[in-house]
Structure formats: structure tokens, C-alpha cells
Amino acid sequence: MMRTFTITGKSRYIGLEGGFWAIEADDGNKYTPINMPEQLKCEGARVSIRGQIIKGAVSLSMWGEAIRIISFETLGIV
């Protein structure tokens, strides 16, 4: 069973490897969602996300941990 956790942070567009969307958590951790919803693709948007770490995921981005978003809430734009 995968552990579900909550992240609060901001959406970021990272211009590496062709570009991708990511979440930078308030605690400094970095996450790359495999299923980033269109509603979260806004640079600097504050978000709260429930998700799961995808163990052993290989990503071209090599930026933070790969996660699967289960649910989310937008909190505004910074």
C-alpha cells in the first residue's frame, strides 16, 4: 500500500529537458507529478496536494521525486 501525504507549496515551470511542471513544497522538497492537472499549470500558483510517491520511477526531468496527485486545491497565486 502506498502512503498518501499532503504537500503545500507552489507550481513551477522548470525549463530543463524540454520543460515540465513541478511542485516546490514550502519545506523545500521538490516533486514532479506524473499527472499534473491543467488547473495547476500556472507559475507561482499556491497549491495543496494529496499525493503518493512513486517508488522506482525513472524520469527524464531528474528534478525531485515523482508523485501521483490524488486530489488538489488551489490556494491563490504568489
C-alpha atoms as a PDB file:
ATOM      1  CA  MET A   1       0.000   0.000   0.000  1.00  0.00           C
ATOM      2  CA  MET A   2       1.363   3.426  -0.970  1.00  0.00           C
ATOM      3  CA  ARG A   3       1.486   6.111   1.692  1.00  0.00           C
ATOM      4  CA  THR A   4      -0.599   9.214   0.948  1.00  0.00           C
ATOM      5  CA  PHE A   5       0.683  12.590   2.140  1.00  0.00           C
ATOM      6  CA  THR A   6      -0.118  16.291   1.752  1.00  0.00           C
ATOM      7  CA  ILE A   7       2.139  18.887   0.143  1.00  0.00           C
ATOM      8  CA  THR A   8       1.612  22.637   0.361  1.00  0.00           C
ATOM      9  CA  GLY A   9       3.714  24.730  -1.980  1.00  0.00           C
ATOM     10  CA  LYS A  10       3.735  26.355  -5.403  1.00  0.00           C
ATOM     11  CA  SER A  11       3.546  25.270  -9.024  1.00  0.00           C
ATOM     12  CA  ARG A  12       6.662  25.899 -11.068  1.00  0.00           C
ATOM     13  CA  TYR A  13       7.557  25.528 -14.703  1.00  0.00           C
ATOM     14  CA  ILE A  14      11.077  24.122 -14.931  1.00  0.00           C
ATOM     15  CA  GLY A  15      12.809  24.845 -18.247  1.00  0.00           C
ATOM     16  CA  LEU A  16      15.106  21.790 -18.204  1.00  0.00           C
ATOM     17  CA  GLU A  17      14.973  18.824 -20.598  1.00  0.00           C
ATOM     18  CA  GLY A  18      12.319  20.411 -22.813  1.00  0.00           C
ATOM     19  CA  GLY A  19      10.392  21.857 -19.845  1.00  0.00           C
ATOM     20  CA  PHE A  20       7.967  20.362 -17.326  1.00  0.00           C
ATOM     21  CA  TRP A  21       5.648  21.360 -14.481  1.00  0.00           C
ATOM     22  CA  ALA A  22       6.596  20.625 -10.886  1.00  0.00           C
ATOM     23  CA  ILE A  23       5.667  21.417  -7.290  1.00  0.00           C
ATOM     24  CA  GLU A  24       8.109  23.080  -4.915  1.00  0.00           C
ATOM     25  CA  ALA A  25       6.920  22.414  -1.377  1.00  0.00           C
ATOM     26  CA  ASP A  26       7.077  25.013   1.389  1.00  0.00           C
ATOM     27  CA  ASP A  27       9.617  22.792   3.171  1.00  0.00           C
ATOM     28  CA  GLY A  28      11.964  22.967   0.153  1.00  0.00           C
ATOM     29  CA  ASN A  29      11.278  19.469  -1.201  1.00  0.00           C
ATOM     30  CA  LYS A  30      10.736  19.138  -4.950  1.00  0.00           C
ATOM     31  CA  TYR A  31       8.182  16.935  -6.700  1.00  0.00           C
ATOM     32  CA  THR A  32       7.463  16.080 -10.325  1.00  0.00           C
ATOM     33  CA  PRO A  33       3.845  14.938 -10.761  1.00  0.00           C
ATOM     34  CA  ILE A  34       3.243  12.331 -13.454  1.00  0.00           C
ATOM     35  CA  ASN A  35      -0.338  13.587 -13.760  1.00  0.00           C
ATOM     36  CA  MET A  36      -0.159  17.382 -13.290  1.00  0.00           C
ATOM     37  CA  PRO A  37      -3.715  18.749 -13.720  1.00  0.00           C
ATOM     38  CA  GLU A  38      -4.143  21.641 -16.165  1.00  0.00           C
ATOM     39  CA  GLN A  39      -5.635  23.740 -13.327  1.00  0.00           C
ATOM     40  CA  LEU A  40      -2.261  23.691 -11.549  1.00  0.00           C
ATOM     41  CA  LYS A  41      -0.181  24.735 -14.566  1.00  0.00           C
ATOM     42  CA  CYS A  42       0.154  28.362 -13.523  1.00  0.00           C
ATOM     43  CA  GLU A  43       3.609  29.631 -12.482  1.00  0.00           C
ATOM     44  CA  GLY A  44       3.615  30.531  -8.795  1.00  0.00           C
ATOM     45  CA  ALA A  45       0.137  29.169  -8.005  1.00  0.00           C
ATOM     46  CA  ARG A  46      -0.153  28.172  -4.337  1.00  0.00           C
ATOM     47  CA  VAL A  47      -1.438  24.617  -4.058  1.00  0.00           C
ATOM     48  CA  SER A  48      -2.275  21.926  -1.558  1.00  0.00           C
ATOM     49  CA  ILE A  49      -1.930  18.414  -2.954  1.00  0.00           C
ATOM     50  CA  ARG A  50      -2.649  14.927  -1.653  1.00  0.00           C
ATOM     51  CA  GLY A  51      -0.345  12.503  -3.394  1.00  0.00           C
ATOM     52  CA  GLN A  52       1.762   9.385  -3.345  1.00  0.00           C
ATOM     53  CA  ILE A  53       5.482   8.923  -4.029  1.00  0.00           C
ATOM     54  CA  ILE A  54       6.078   6.644  -6.994  1.00  0.00           C
ATOM     55  CA  LYS A  55       8.903   4.376  -5.864  1.00  0.00           C
ATOM     56  CA  GLY A  56      11.438   3.461  -8.522  1.00  0.00           C
ATOM     57  CA  ALA A  57      10.034   5.899 -11.100  1.00  0.00           C
ATOM     58  CA  VAL A  58      12.504   6.959 -13.771  1.00  0.00           C
ATOM     59  CA  SER A  59      12.059  10.456 -15.129  1.00  0.00           C
ATOM     60  CA  LEU A  60      13.869  12.448 -17.790  1.00  0.00           C
ATOM     61  CA  SER A  61      13.488  15.579 -15.665  1.00  0.00           C
ATOM     62  CA  MET A  62      15.674  14.306 -12.788  1.00  0.00           C
ATOM     63  CA  TRP A  63      14.173  17.049 -10.619  1.00  0.00           C
ATOM     64  CA  GLY A  64      12.728  15.966  -7.288  1.00  0.00           C
ATOM     65  CA  GLU A  65      10.624  12.907  -6.518  1.00  0.00           C
ATOM     66  CA  ALA A  66       7.997  11.549  -8.891  1.00  0.00           C
ATOM     67  CA  ILE A  67       4.491  11.671  -7.409  1.00  0.00           C
ATOM     68  CA  ARG A  68       0.945  10.805  -8.393  1.00  0.00           C
ATOM     69  CA  ILE A  69      -1.594  13.506  -7.482  1.00  0.00           C
ATOM     70  CA  ILE A  70      -4.755  12.103  -5.890  1.00  0.00           C
ATOM     71  CA  SER A  71      -6.503  15.394  -5.142  1.00  0.00           C
ATOM     72  CA  PHE A  72      -5.628  19.074  -5.063  1.00  0.00           C
ATOM     73  CA  GLU A  73      -6.790  22.545  -4.099  1.00  0.00           C
ATOM     74  CA  THR A  74      -5.557  25.864  -5.440  1.00  0.00           C
ATOM     75  CA  LEU A  75      -4.814  28.477  -2.775  1.00  0.00           C
ATOM     76  CA  GLY A  76      -4.095  31.539  -4.974  1.00  0.00           C
ATOM     77  CA  ILE A  77      -1.133  32.987  -6.834  1.00  0.00           C
ATOM     78  CA  VAL A  78       2.001  34.308  -5.126  1.00  0.00           C
END
